[in-house]
């Protein structure tokens, strides 16, 4: 790979105009209100995976339309007082897999809740949550990006983002979680989901989301992404539009309700982003579009010679420092 997007100096000031539906906030208010008609009924069932320093729970809670969502909850073993919690979202195609994959945050002294992504979990790590098809859905290109895309009511990420908000509420419901100190985090798709929740939090979660960590975030600035790269998953949208030639405006009208560039100006939590300048999955300009519109206090780490892997463990070290600087662990 080589640099293919805008030069870094232009990326740092890249602030595209936003296409925001007039009923954006009303749509999300109605969506979340509908799902909150169902009791959260968060269940935390202890499970033994042979780890002595971490207590592990199999999580189930009610997400979109009351549908049951799986997850893991991990906390330092023997913990008796509430801790801050990192709610973790997963990259495209992956599922919750096993708790041994999620030891970073409990090892650092925090609780973590990992949300399984509905319908996914068969590409590179296994998942356990189905995605019941909506009553009315259009034909779609294989994958998840165009499932229900001709109507904001049936679009796949309406369900996922709702699940993600309810995952924060599930974390808050646990007695060993400090309900006012929640961070949302993820890479790629997980970063896009975290960004959406951070944008919804001020209005719908009473600002309980206090930190956001979005690594090489996906689900941002869709139209530019589809015009700039031909890699999956954004190419799923382009291939759909190639076949459904008369539906292009409808497609992008729907995606405007789910674009990180529109969630970013609503976010208030301090944020740490990352971007890789040779990333041909999530183009750098799409990341900077969301970052530059982000309303909260923010920083971004740039990895000049990396592709979609971003900073990996280097970025995790920065995240650990970021969280510790924001939350005085001496007082946990």
C-alpha atoms as a PDB file:
ATOM      1  CA  UNK A   1       0.000   0.000   0.000  1.00  0.00           C
ATOM      2  CA  UNK A   2       0.922   3.650  -0.360  1.00  0.00           C
ATOM      3  CA  UNK A   3      -0.611   6.966   0.591  1.00  0.00           C
ATOM      4  CA  UNK A   4      -3.669   7.515  -1.566  1.00  0.00           C
ATOM      5  CA  UNK A   5      -5.919   9.942   0.314  1.00  0.00           C
ATOM      6  CA  UNK A   6      -5.400  13.627   1.073  1.00  0.00           C
ATOM      7  CA  UNK A   7      -2.056  14.836   2.484  1.00  0.00           C
ATOM      8  CA  UNK A   8      -1.932  14.868   6.285  1.00  0.00           C
ATOM      9  CA  UNK A   9      -2.059  18.680   6.493  1.00  0.00           C
ATOM     10  CA  UNK A  10      -5.297  18.661   4.496  1.00  0.00           C
ATOM     11  CA  UNK A  11      -6.712  15.761   6.494  1.00  0.00           C
ATOM     12  CA  UNK A  12      -6.157  17.655   9.727  1.00  0.00           C
ATOM     13  CA  UNK A  13      -8.386  20.485   8.472  1.00  0.00           C
ATOM     14  CA  UNK A  14     -10.825  18.350   6.470  1.00  0.00           C
ATOM     15  CA  UNK A  15     -14.308  19.406   7.580  1.00  0.00           C
ATOM     16  CA  UNK A  16     -16.860  18.374   4.962  1.00  0.00           C
ATOM     17  CA  UNK A  17     -20.385  19.680   5.106  1.00  0.00           C
ATOM     18  CA  UNK A  18     -22.807  17.297   6.752  1.00  0.00           C
ATOM     19  CA  UNK A  19     -25.995  15.946   5.223  1.00  0.00           C
ATOM     20  CA  UNK A  20     -28.208  15.637   8.284  1.00  0.00           C
ATOM     21  CA  UNK A  21     -31.888  14.689   8.134  1.00  0.00           C
ATOM     22  CA  UNK A  22     -34.211  17.206   9.769  1.00  0.00           C
ATOM     23  CA  UNK A  23     -35.696  14.475  11.937  1.00  0.00           C
ATOM     24  CA  UNK A  24     -32.366  12.907  12.977  1.00  0.00           C
ATOM     25  CA  UNK A  25     -32.854  13.472  16.719  1.00  0.00           C
ATOM     26  CA  UNK A  26     -36.562  12.654  16.604  1.00  0.00           C
ATOM     27  CA  UNK A  27     -35.817   9.397  14.793  1.00  0.00           C
ATOM     28  CA  UNK A  28     -33.368   8.280  17.454  1.00  0.00           C
ATOM     29  CA  UNK A  29     -35.616   9.423  20.285  1.00  0.00           C
ATOM     30  CA  UNK A  30     -38.464   7.350  18.876  1.00  0.00           C
ATOM     31  CA  UNK A  31     -36.203   4.367  18.150  1.00  0.00           C
ATOM     32  CA  UNK A  32     -34.770   4.211  21.662  1.00  0.00           C
ATOM     33  CA  UNK A  33     -38.136   4.893  23.290  1.00  0.00           C
ATOM     34  CA  UNK A  34     -39.644   1.943  21.435  1.00  0.00           C
ATOM     35  CA  UNK A  35     -36.949  -0.430  22.649  1.00  0.00           C
ATOM     36  CA  UNK A  36     -37.113   0.906  26.189  1.00  0.00           C
ATOM     37  CA  UNK A  37     -40.703  -0.269  26.375  1.00  0.00           C
ATOM     38  CA  UNK A  38     -39.127  -3.648  27.003  1.00  0.00           C
ATOM     39  CA  UNK A  39     -37.504  -4.305  30.346  1.00  0.00           C
ATOM     40  CA  UNK A  40     -33.723  -4.439  30.090  1.00  0.00           C
ATOM     41  CA  UNK A  41     -33.665  -7.697  32.087  1.00  0.00           C
ATOM     42  CA  UNK A  42     -29.875  -7.789  32.154  1.00  0.00           C
ATOM     43  CA  UNK A  43     -28.647 -11.183  33.315  1.00  0.00           C
ATOM     44  CA  UNK A  44     -25.088 -11.867  34.506  1.00  0.00           C
ATOM     45  CA  UNK A  45     -24.444 -15.597  34.862  1.00  0.00           C
ATOM     46  CA  UNK A  46     -21.060 -16.578  36.337  1.00  0.00           C
ATOM     47  CA  UNK A  47     -18.993 -18.814  34.051  1.00  0.00           C
ATOM     48  CA  UNK A  48     -15.657 -20.486  34.709  1.00  0.00           C
ATOM     49  CA  UNK A  49     -13.019 -20.283  31.980  1.00  0.00           C
ATOM     50  CA  UNK A  50     -10.160 -21.184  34.302  1.00  0.00           C
ATOM     51  CA  UNK A  51      -8.981 -17.616  34.959  1.00  0.00           C
ATOM     52  CA  UNK A  52      -8.073 -16.868  38.573  1.00  0.00           C
ATOM     53  CA  UNK A  53      -7.568 -13.110  38.389  1.00  0.00           C
ATOM     54  CA  UNK A  54     -10.770 -12.233  36.531  1.00  0.00           C
ATOM     55  CA  UNK A  55     -14.403 -12.969  37.348  1.00  0.00           C
ATOM     56  CA  UNK A  56     -16.365 -13.702  34.180  1.00  0.00           C
ATOM     57  CA  UNK A  57     -20.093 -13.538  33.458  1.00  0.00           C
ATOM     58  CA  UNK A  58     -22.202 -14.581  30.489  1.00  0.00           C
ATOM     59  CA  UNK A  59     -24.405 -11.558  29.766  1.00  0.00           C
ATOM     60  CA  UNK A  60     -27.849 -11.342  28.161  1.00  0.00           C
ATOM     61  CA  UNK A  61     -29.933  -8.162  27.888  1.00  0.00           C
ATOM     62  CA  UNK A  62     -32.804  -6.745  25.830  1.00  0.00           C
ATOM     63  CA  UNK A  63     -31.723  -4.721  22.822  1.00  0.00           C
ATOM     64  CA  UNK A  64     -33.661  -3.453  19.824  1.00  0.00           C
ATOM     65  CA  UNK A  65     -37.352  -4.357  20.000  1.00  0.00           C
ATOM     66  CA  UNK A  66     -36.688  -6.389  23.140  1.00  0.00           C
ATOM     67  CA  UNK A  67     -34.568  -8.934  21.257  1.00  0.00           C
ATOM     68  CA  UNK A  68     -32.041 -10.672  23.490  1.00  0.00           C
ATOM     69  CA  UNK A  69     -28.389  -9.728  23.004  1.00  0.00           C
ATOM     70  CA  UNK A  70     -25.400 -11.662  24.309  1.00  0.00           C
ATOM     71  CA  UNK A  71     -22.160 -10.369  25.790  1.00  0.00           C
ATOM     72  CA  UNK A  72     -19.432 -10.938  28.336  1.00  0.00           C
ATOM     73  CA  UNK A  73     -18.818  -9.071  31.571  1.00  0.00           C
ATOM     74  CA  UNK A  74     -15.335  -9.246  33.103  1.00  0.00           C
ATOM     75  CA  UNK A  75     -14.113  -7.687  36.340  1.00  0.00           C
ATOM     76  CA  UNK A  76     -11.019  -8.129  38.551  1.00  0.00           C
ATOM     77  CA  UNK A  77     -11.535 -11.160  40.761  1.00  0.00           C
ATOM     78  CA  UNK A  78     -12.989 -10.550  44.204  1.00  0.00           C
ATOM     79  CA  UNK A  79     -13.937  -6.945  43.472  1.00  0.00           C
ATOM     80  CA  UNK A  80     -16.309  -5.510  46.091  1.00  0.00           C
ATOM     81  CA  UNK A  81     -16.564  -1.804  45.181  1.00  0.00           C
ATOM     82  CA  UNK A  82     -17.927  -0.302  41.925  1.00  0.00           C
ATOM     83  CA  UNK A  83     -15.405   0.315  39.147  1.00  0.00           C
ATOM     84  CA  UNK A  84     -15.478   2.353  35.939  1.00  0.00           C
ATOM     85  CA  UNK A  85     -16.486   0.186  32.994  1.00  0.00           C
ATOM     86  CA  UNK A  86     -15.376   0.045  29.370  1.00  0.00           C
ATOM     87  CA  UNK A  87     -18.167  -1.082  27.038  1.00  0.00           C
ATOM     88  CA  UNK A  88     -16.473  -2.762  24.102  1.00  0.00           C
ATOM     89  CA  UNK A  89     -17.882  -3.083  20.569  1.00  0.00           C
ATOM     90  CA  UNK A  90     -16.534  -5.494  17.944  1.00  0.00           C
ATOM     91  CA  UNK A  91     -15.176  -5.138  14.411  1.00  0.00           C
ATOM     92  CA  UNK A  92     -17.120  -6.118  11.304  1.00  0.00           C
ATOM     93  CA  UNK A  93     -17.907  -9.799  10.994  1.00  0.00           C
ATOM     94  CA  UNK A  94     -16.723 -10.700  14.484  1.00  0.00           C
ATOM     95  CA  UNK A  95     -18.568 -11.954  17.539  1.00  0.00           C
ATOM     96  CA  UNK A  96     -17.884 -11.998  21.250  1.00  0.00           C
ATOM     97  CA  UNK A  97     -15.837 -15.238  21.011  1.00  0.00           C
ATOM     98  CA  UNK A  98     -14.462 -16.143  24.480  1.00  0.00           C
ATOM     99  CA  UNK A  99     -13.590 -14.054  27.558  1.00  0.00           C
ATOM    100  CA  UNK A 100      -9.877 -14.849  27.136  1.00  0.00           C
ATOM    101  CA  UNK A 101      -9.921 -12.394  24.218  1.00  0.00           C
ATOM    102  CA  UNK A 102     -11.011  -9.473  26.426  1.00  0.00           C
ATOM    103  CA  UNK A 103      -8.530  -9.371  29.315  1.00  0.00           C
ATOM    104  CA  UNK A 104      -6.952  -5.950  28.703  1.00  0.00           C
ATOM    105  CA  UNK A 105      -9.302  -3.779  30.730  1.00  0.00           C
ATOM    106  CA  UNK A 106      -9.932  -6.061  33.715  1.00  0.00           C
ATOM    107  CA  UNK A 107      -6.160  -6.609  33.887  1.00  0.00           C
ATOM    108  CA  UNK A 108      -5.795  -2.826  34.184  1.00  0.00           C
ATOM    109  CA  UNK A 109      -8.287  -2.714  37.046  1.00  0.00           C
ATOM    110  CA  UNK A 110     -11.524  -1.865  35.236  1.00  0.00           C
ATOM    111  CA  UNK A 111     -14.751  -3.664  34.484  1.00  0.00           C
ATOM    112  CA  UNK A 112     -15.585  -4.380  30.854  1.00  0.00           C
ATOM    113  CA  UNK A 113     -18.767  -5.387  29.062  1.00  0.00           C
ATOM    114  CA  UNK A 114     -18.306  -6.824  25.566  1.00  0.00           C
ATOM    115  CA  UNK A 115     -21.381  -6.609  23.315  1.00  0.00           C
ATOM    116  CA  UNK A 116     -21.946  -9.383  20.799  1.00  0.00           C
ATOM    117  CA  UNK A 117     -22.949  -7.926  17.397  1.00  0.00           C
ATOM    118  CA  UNK A 118     -26.276  -9.309  16.195  1.00  0.00           C
ATOM    119  CA  UNK A 119     -26.110 -11.536  13.147  1.00  0.00           C
ATOM    120  CA  UNK A 120     -22.318 -11.367  12.915  1.00  0.00           C
ATOM    121  CA  UNK A 121     -19.700 -13.618  14.425  1.00  0.00           C
ATOM    122  CA  UNK A 122     -18.940 -16.011  11.578  1.00  0.00           C
ATOM    123  CA  UNK A 123     -16.102 -14.235   9.743  1.00  0.00           C
ATOM    124  CA  UNK A 124     -13.159 -14.209  12.150  1.00  0.00           C
ATOM    125  CA  UNK A 125     -14.535 -14.794  15.679  1.00  0.00           C
ATOM    126  CA  UNK A 126     -17.699 -16.555  16.725  1.00  0.00           C
ATOM    127  CA  UNK A 127     -20.857 -14.850  17.884  1.00  0.00           C
ATOM    128  CA  UNK A 128     -24.008 -16.016  19.616  1.00  0.00           C
ATOM    129  CA  UNK A 129     -26.670 -13.398  18.839  1.00  0.00           C
ATOM    130  CA  UNK A 130     -29.090 -13.784  15.899  1.00  0.00           C
ATOM    131  CA  UNK A 131     -30.536 -10.864  13.939  1.00  0.00           C
ATOM    132  CA  UNK A 132     -34.233 -11.569  13.380  1.00  0.00           C
ATOM    133  CA  UNK A 133     -35.061 -10.172   9.955  1.00  0.00           C
ATOM    134  CA  UNK A 134     -37.414  -7.186   9.924  1.00  0.00           C
ATOM    135  CA  UNK A 135     -40.891  -7.677   8.506  1.00  0.00           C
ATOM    136  CA  UNK A 136     -40.099  -5.557   5.468  1.00  0.00           C
ATOM    137  CA  UNK A 137     -36.567  -5.662   4.039  1.00  0.00           C
ATOM    138  CA  UNK A 138     -35.127  -5.083   0.587  1.00  0.00           C
ATOM    139  CA  UNK A 139     -32.909  -7.507  -1.319  1.00  0.00           C
ATOM    140  CA  UNK A 140     -29.351  -6.841  -0.206  1.00  0.00           C
ATOM    141  CA  UNK A 141     -25.769  -7.436  -1.259  1.00  0.00           C
ATOM    142  CA  UNK A 142     -24.109 -10.214   0.802  1.00  0.00           C
ATOM    143  CA  UNK A 143     -23.002  -8.855   4.148  1.00  0.00           C
ATOM    144  CA  UNK A 144     -24.690  -6.404   6.506  1.00  0.00           C
ATOM    145  CA  UNK A 145     -24.139  -2.968   4.978  1.00  0.00           C
ATOM    146  CA  UNK A 146     -27.192  -2.999   2.695  1.00  0.00           C
ATOM    147  CA  UNK A 147     -29.568  -5.079   4.808  1.00  0.00           C
ATOM    148  CA  UNK A 148     -32.777  -3.027   4.979  1.00  0.00           C
ATOM    149  CA  UNK A 149     -30.994  -0.007   3.490  1.00  0.00           C
ATOM    150  CA  UNK A 150     -33.944   1.395   1.527  1.00  0.00           C
ATOM    151  CA  UNK A 151     -35.720   2.479   4.712  1.00  0.00           C
ATOM    152  CA  UNK A 152     -34.256   3.913   7.908  1.00  0.00           C
ATOM    153  CA  UNK A 153     -36.800   1.906   9.892  1.00  0.00           C
ATOM    154  CA  UNK A 154     -35.469  -1.440   8.626  1.00  0.00           C
ATOM    155  CA  UNK A 155     -31.778  -0.637   8.240  1.00  0.00           C
ATOM    156  CA  UNK A 156     -29.498  -3.104  10.012  1.00  0.00           C
ATOM    157  CA  UNK A 157     -27.523  -0.522  12.003  1.00  0.00           C
ATOM    158  CA  UNK A 158     -30.685   0.895  13.542  1.00  0.00           C
ATOM    159  CA  UNK A 159     -30.831  -2.350  15.460  1.00  0.00           C
ATOM    160  CA  UNK A 160     -27.100  -2.495  16.215  1.00  0.00           C
ATOM    161  CA  UNK A 161     -26.835   1.084  17.509  1.00  0.00           C
ATOM    162  CA  UNK A 162     -29.890   0.544  19.703  1.00  0.00           C
ATOM    163  CA  UNK A 163     -28.321  -2.634  21.097  1.00  0.00           C
ATOM    164  CA  UNK A 164     -25.171  -0.615  21.794  1.00  0.00           C
ATOM    165  CA  UNK A 165     -27.018   2.012  23.835  1.00  0.00           C
ATOM    166  CA  UNK A 166     -28.764  -0.706  25.801  1.00  0.00           C
ATOM    167  CA  UNK A 167     -25.379  -2.378  26.391  1.00  0.00           C
ATOM    168  CA  UNK A 168     -24.327   0.754  28.276  1.00  0.00           C
ATOM    169  CA  UNK A 169     -27.512   0.510  30.312  1.00  0.00           C
ATOM    170  CA  UNK A 170     -26.782  -3.164  30.996  1.00  0.00           C
ATOM    171  CA  UNK A 171     -23.320  -2.259  32.272  1.00  0.00           C
ATOM    172  CA  UNK A 172     -24.793   0.468  34.467  1.00  0.00           C
ATOM    173  CA  UNK A 173     -27.198  -2.022  36.002  1.00  0.00           C
ATOM    174  CA  UNK A 174     -24.437  -4.170  37.496  1.00  0.00           C
ATOM    175  CA  UNK A 175     -23.741  -3.355  41.176  1.00  0.00           C
ATOM    176  CA  UNK A 176     -19.971  -3.458  40.643  1.00  0.00           C
ATOM    177  CA  UNK A 177     -20.052  -0.787  37.917  1.00  0.00           C
ATOM    178  CA  UNK A 178     -19.774   2.922  38.637  1.00  0.00           C
ATOM    179  CA  UNK A 179     -22.778   3.949  36.530  1.00  0.00           C
ATOM    180  CA  UNK A 180     -21.433   7.479  36.015  1.00  0.00           C
ATOM    181  CA  UNK A 181     -18.051   6.371  34.649  1.00  0.00           C
ATOM    182  CA  UNK A 182     -18.613   4.472  31.428  1.00  0.00           C
ATOM    183  CA  UNK A 183     -16.277   4.456  28.433  1.00  0.00           C
ATOM    184  CA  UNK A 184     -17.248   3.183  24.994  1.00  0.00           C
ATOM    185  CA  UNK A 185     -14.559   1.665  22.786  1.00  0.00           C
ATOM    186  CA  UNK A 186     -13.941  -0.314  19.646  1.00  0.00           C
ATOM    187  CA  UNK A 187     -11.974  -0.599  16.438  1.00  0.00           C
ATOM    188  CA  UNK A 188     -13.265  -0.339  12.880  1.00  0.00           C
ATOM    189  CA  UNK A 189     -16.980  -1.207  13.103  1.00  0.00           C
ATOM    190  CA  UNK A 190     -16.583  -1.179  16.874  1.00  0.00           C
ATOM    191  CA  UNK A 191     -15.155   2.327  16.668  1.00  0.00           C
ATOM    192  CA  UNK A 192     -18.085   3.480  14.544  1.00  0.00           C
ATOM    193  CA  UNK A 193     -20.532   1.998  17.037  1.00  0.00           C
ATOM    194  CA  UNK A 194     -18.699   3.663  19.935  1.00  0.00           C
ATOM    195  CA  UNK A 195     -18.884   6.990  18.112  1.00  0.00           C
ATOM    196  CA  UNK A 196     -22.628   6.586  17.552  1.00  0.00           C
ATOM    197  CA  UNK A 197     -23.213   5.841  21.240  1.00  0.00           C
ATOM    198  CA  UNK A 198     -21.076   8.811  22.270  1.00  0.00           C
ATOM    199  CA  UNK A 199     -23.247  10.992  20.032  1.00  0.00           C
ATOM    200  CA  UNK A 200     -26.469   9.610  21.460  1.00  0.00           C
ATOM    201  CA  UNK A 201     -25.284   9.703  25.074  1.00  0.00           C
ATOM    202  CA  UNK A 202     -25.863  13.396  25.925  1.00  0.00           C
ATOM    203  CA  UNK A 203     -29.540  13.194  25.007  1.00  0.00           C
ATOM    204  CA  UNK A 204     -30.370   9.593  25.859  1.00  0.00           C
ATOM    205  CA  UNK A 205     -27.912   8.334  28.494  1.00  0.00           C
ATOM    206  CA  UNK A 206     -27.727  11.352  30.813  1.00  0.00           C
ATOM    207  CA  UNK A 207     -24.073  11.848  29.859  1.00  0.00           C
ATOM    208  CA  UNK A 208     -23.104   8.592  31.559  1.00  0.00           C
ATOM    209  CA  UNK A 209     -20.660   7.947  28.709  1.00  0.00           C
ATOM    210  CA  UNK A 210     -17.608   9.815  29.944  1.00  0.00           C
ATOM    211  CA  UNK A 211     -14.964   8.587  27.475  1.00  0.00           C
ATOM    212  CA  UNK A 212     -14.912   7.435  23.849  1.00  0.00           C
ATOM    213  CA  UNK A 213     -12.129   5.465  22.153  1.00  0.00           C
ATOM    214  CA  UNK A 214     -12.643   5.038  18.407  1.00  0.00           C
ATOM    215  CA  UNK A 215      -9.860   3.228  16.549  1.00  0.00           C
ATOM    216  CA  UNK A 216      -9.785   3.552  12.754  1.00  0.00           C
ATOM    217  CA  UNK A 217     -13.585   3.969  12.894  1.00  0.00           C
ATOM    218  CA  UNK A 218     -15.842   2.530  10.225  1.00  0.00           C
ATOM    219  CA  UNK A 219     -19.404   3.783   9.465  1.00  0.00           C
ATOM    220  CA  UNK A 220     -18.339   7.372   8.781  1.00  0.00           C
ATOM    221  CA  UNK A 221     -18.698   9.624   5.725  1.00  0.00           C
ATOM    222  CA  UNK A 222     -20.221   6.789   3.697  1.00  0.00           C
ATOM    223  CA  UNK A 223     -20.491   8.485   0.337  1.00  0.00           C
ATOM    224  CA  UNK A 224     -16.850   9.535   0.188  1.00  0.00           C
ATOM    225  CA  UNK A 225     -15.795   6.074   1.340  1.00  0.00           C
ATOM    226  CA  UNK A 226     -17.724   4.347  -1.443  1.00  0.00           C
ATOM    227  CA  UNK A 227     -16.260   6.720  -4.031  1.00  0.00           C
ATOM    228  CA  UNK A 228     -12.688   6.394  -2.766  1.00  0.00           C
ATOM    229  CA  UNK A 229     -12.125   2.663  -2.124  1.00  0.00           C
ATOM    230  CA  UNK A 230     -13.413  -0.565  -3.627  1.00  0.00           C
ATOM    231  CA  UNK A 231     -12.654  -2.742  -0.602  1.00  0.00           C
ATOM    232  CA  UNK A 232     -15.214  -4.429   1.577  1.00  0.00           C
ATOM    233  CA  UNK A 233     -17.296  -3.607   3.549  1.00  0.00           C
ATOM    234  CA  UNK A 234     -17.915  -0.163   1.969  1.00  0.00           C
ATOM    235  CA  UNK A 235     -17.892  -1.861  -1.438  1.00  0.00           C
ATOM    236  CA  UNK A 236     -21.070  -3.698  -0.395  1.00  0.00           C
ATOM    237  CA  UNK A 237     -22.855  -0.343  -0.691  1.00  0.00           C
ATOM    238  CA  UNK A 238     -21.232   0.464  -4.020  1.00  0.00           C
ATOM    239  CA  UNK A 239     -22.123  -2.951  -5.470  1.00  0.00           C
ATOM    240  CA  UNK A 240     -25.716  -2.542  -4.310  1.00  0.00           C
ATOM    241  CA  UNK A 241     -25.907   0.889  -5.985  1.00  0.00           C
ATOM    242  CA  UNK A 242     -24.311  -0.537  -9.129  1.00  0.00           C
ATOM    243  CA  UNK A 243     -27.206  -2.977  -9.441  1.00  0.00           C
ATOM    244  CA  UNK A 244     -30.003  -0.806  -8.012  1.00  0.00           C
ATOM    245  CA  UNK A 245     -29.145   2.184 -10.175  1.00  0.00           C
ATOM    246  CA  UNK A 246     -32.276   4.194  -9.387  1.00  0.00           C
ATOM    247  CA  UNK A 247     -31.980   3.782  -5.598  1.00  0.00           C
ATOM    248  CA  UNK A 248     -28.744   5.690  -4.958  1.00  0.00           C
ATOM    249  CA  UNK A 249     -30.364   8.750  -3.378  1.00  0.00           C
ATOM    250  CA  UNK A 250     -32.556   6.543  -1.206  1.00  0.00           C
ATOM    251  CA  UNK A 251     -29.494   4.613  -0.028  1.00  0.00           C
ATOM    252  CA  UNK A 252     -27.578   7.691   1.079  1.00  0.00           C
ATOM    253  CA  UNK A 253     -30.674   9.317   2.571  1.00  0.00           C
ATOM    254  CA  UNK A 254     -30.935   6.257   4.817  1.00  0.00           C
ATOM    255  CA  UNK A 255     -27.232   6.213   5.669  1.00  0.00           C
ATOM    256  CA  UNK A 256     -27.377   9.827   6.860  1.00  0.00           C
ATOM    257  CA  UNK A 257     -29.201   8.599   9.977  1.00  0.00           C
ATOM    258  CA  UNK A 258     -26.291   6.257  10.770  1.00  0.00           C
ATOM    259  CA  UNK A 259     -23.242   8.332   9.836  1.00  0.00           C
ATOM    260  CA  UNK A 260     -20.554   8.967  12.440  1.00  0.00           C
ATOM    261  CA  UNK A 261     -20.108  12.429  10.920  1.00  0.00           C
ATOM    262  CA  UNK A 262     -23.626  13.264  12.151  1.00  0.00           C
ATOM    263  CA  UNK A 263     -23.190  11.667  15.578  1.00  0.00           C
ATOM    264  CA  UNK A 264     -19.859  13.439  16.189  1.00  0.00           C
ATOM    265  CA  UNK A 265     -21.213  16.993  16.725  1.00  0.00           C
ATOM    266  CA  UNK A 266     -23.549  15.630  19.413  1.00  0.00           C
ATOM    267  CA  UNK A 267     -20.793  13.925  21.415  1.00  0.00           C
ATOM    268  CA  UNK A 268     -19.488  15.505  24.614  1.00  0.00           C
ATOM    269  CA  UNK A 269     -17.209  12.838  26.128  1.00  0.00           C
ATOM    270  CA  UNK A 270     -13.426  13.260  25.847  1.00  0.00           C
ATOM    271  CA  UNK A 271     -12.294  11.073  22.961  1.00  0.00           C
ATOM    272  CA  UNK A 272      -9.197   9.340  21.688  1.00  0.00           C
ATOM    273  CA  UNK A 273      -9.285   8.453  17.981  1.00  0.00           C
ATOM    274  CA  UNK A 274      -6.765   6.711  15.772  1.00  0.00           C
ATOM    275  CA  UNK A 275      -6.234   6.774  12.026  1.00  0.00           C
ATOM    276  CA  UNK A 276      -3.898   4.907   9.657  1.00  0.00           C
ATOM    277  CA  UNK A 277      -2.821   6.815   6.582  1.00  0.00           C
ATOM    278  CA  UNK A 278      -2.516   3.724   4.364  1.00  0.00           C
ATOM    279  CA  UNK A 279      -5.867   2.318   5.446  1.00  0.00           C
ATOM    280  CA  UNK A 280      -7.824   1.303   2.338  1.00  0.00           C
ATOM    281  CA  UNK A 281     -10.714  -0.137   4.392  1.00  0.00           C
ATOM    282  CA  UNK A 282     -11.617   3.021   6.321  1.00  0.00           C
ATOM    283  CA  UNK A 283     -10.049   5.874   4.333  1.00  0.00           C
ATOM    284  CA  UNK A 284      -8.216   8.469   6.452  1.00  0.00           C
ATOM    285  CA  UNK A 285     -10.418  11.324   5.249  1.00  0.00           C
ATOM    286  CA  UNK A 286     -13.539   9.523   6.506  1.00  0.00           C
ATOM    287  CA  UNK A 287     -11.964   9.202   9.957  1.00  0.00           C
ATOM    288  CA  UNK A 288     -10.851  12.831  10.017  1.00  0.00           C
ATOM    289  CA  UNK A 289     -14.310  13.922   8.853  1.00  0.00           C
ATOM    290  CA  UNK A 290     -15.802  12.437  12.024  1.00  0.00           C
ATOM    291  CA  UNK A 291     -12.902  13.535  14.225  1.00  0.00           C
ATOM    292  CA  UNK A 292     -12.955  17.141  13.042  1.00  0.00           C
ATOM    293  CA  UNK A 293     -16.718  17.362  13.628  1.00  0.00           C
ATOM    294  CA  UNK A 294     -16.444  15.758  17.086  1.00  0.00           C
ATOM    295  CA  UNK A 295     -17.704  18.247  19.669  1.00  0.00           C
ATOM    296  CA  UNK A 296     -16.031  16.924  22.822  1.00  0.00           C
ATOM    297  CA  UNK A 297     -12.429  17.305  23.910  1.00  0.00           C
ATOM    298  CA  UNK A 298     -10.416  15.073  21.605  1.00  0.00           C
ATOM    299  CA  UNK A 299      -7.078  13.760  20.404  1.00  0.00           C
ATOM    300  CA  UNK A 300      -6.127  11.581  17.466  1.00  0.00           C
ATOM    301  CA  UNK A 301      -3.122   9.321  16.994  1.00  0.00           C
ATOM    302  CA  UNK A 302      -1.920   9.035  13.400  1.00  0.00           C
ATOM    303  CA  UNK A 303      -0.121   5.898  12.172  1.00  0.00           C
ATOM    304  CA  UNK A 304       1.500   7.000   8.882  1.00  0.00           C
ATOM    305  CA  UNK A 305       2.643   3.640   7.474  1.00  0.00           C
ATOM    306  CA  UNK A 306      -0.133   1.412   8.742  1.00  0.00           C
ATOM    307  CA  UNK A 307      -3.162  -0.007   7.023  1.00  0.00           C
ATOM    308  CA  UNK A 308      -6.420  -1.002   8.698  1.00  0.00           C
ATOM    309  CA  UNK A 309      -4.596  -2.688  11.570  1.00  0.00           C
ATOM    310  CA  UNK A 310      -3.856   0.821  12.838  1.00  0.00           C
ATOM    311  CA  UNK A 311      -1.735   1.012  15.963  1.00  0.00           C
ATOM    312  CA  UNK A 312      -2.806  -2.302  17.547  1.00  0.00           C
ATOM    313  CA  UNK A 313      -0.944  -2.794  20.847  1.00  0.00           C
ATOM    314  CA  UNK A 314       0.751   0.593  20.473  1.00  0.00           C
ATOM    315  CA  UNK A 315      -2.708   2.180  20.441  1.00  0.00           C
ATOM    316  CA  UNK A 316      -3.817   0.052  23.396  1.00  0.00           C
ATOM    317  CA  UNK A 317      -0.957   1.449  25.460  1.00  0.00           C
ATOM    318  CA  UNK A 318      -2.126   4.941  24.576  1.00  0.00           C
ATOM    319  CA  UNK A 319      -5.680   4.016  25.547  1.00  0.00           C
ATOM    320  CA  UNK A 320      -4.548   2.722  28.929  1.00  0.00           C
ATOM    321  CA  UNK A 321      -2.769   6.007  29.571  1.00  0.00           C
ATOM    322  CA  UNK A 322      -5.759   7.988  28.300  1.00  0.00           C
ATOM    323  CA  UNK A 323      -8.205   6.228  30.629  1.00  0.00           C
ATOM    324  CA  UNK A 324      -5.868   6.482  33.610  1.00  0.00           C
ATOM    325  CA  UNK A 325      -5.351  10.193  33.034  1.00  0.00           C
ATOM    326  CA  UNK A 326      -9.103  10.768  32.849  1.00  0.00           C
ATOM    327  CA  UNK A 327     -10.019   8.581  35.819  1.00  0.00           C
ATOM    328  CA  UNK A 328      -7.754   8.886  38.855  1.00  0.00           C
ATOM    329  CA  UNK A 329      -7.292   5.203  39.655  1.00  0.00           C
ATOM    330  CA  UNK A 330      -5.981   6.053  43.101  1.00  0.00           C
ATOM    331  CA  UNK A 331      -9.573   6.918  43.986  1.00  0.00           C
ATOM    332  CA  UNK A 332     -11.256   3.955  42.314  1.00  0.00           C
END
